[in-house]
Amino acid sequence: MAAKKTEDDLTIRIRNLRKEIREKVENELLKQCNEAQKEGKYPWEGMWLSPQDIEKIQEKMKKRDRIVFVEIIAFFLLMILFSRGLYMFLTLLLPR
């Protein structure tokens, strides 16, 4: 019974420590958030950036998205041409 009481005391101490640490971390994050907002910065993908920086990054991402889209279309066209060429090659080699 004494061992169970010490486990309960230990559990209570651990819970209290977790609560204290959680509160410290939360207060620190709120402090950082308030300081960044006073500077006119906003959270964007884990960083504090100004609106101008966010716009620049979004423009770069738009360009990258367009390039990826064109690459996907080119890949499908290439696959269509390859399969058509392979079909034509096999129809010449294989008798009917």
Foldseek 3Di string as FASTA:
>chain_A
DVVVVVVVVVVVVVVVVVVVVVVVVVVVVVVVVVVLVVVQFDDDPNDTHHPVVVVVVVVVVVVVVVVVVVVVVVVVVVVVVVVVVVVVVVPVVDDD
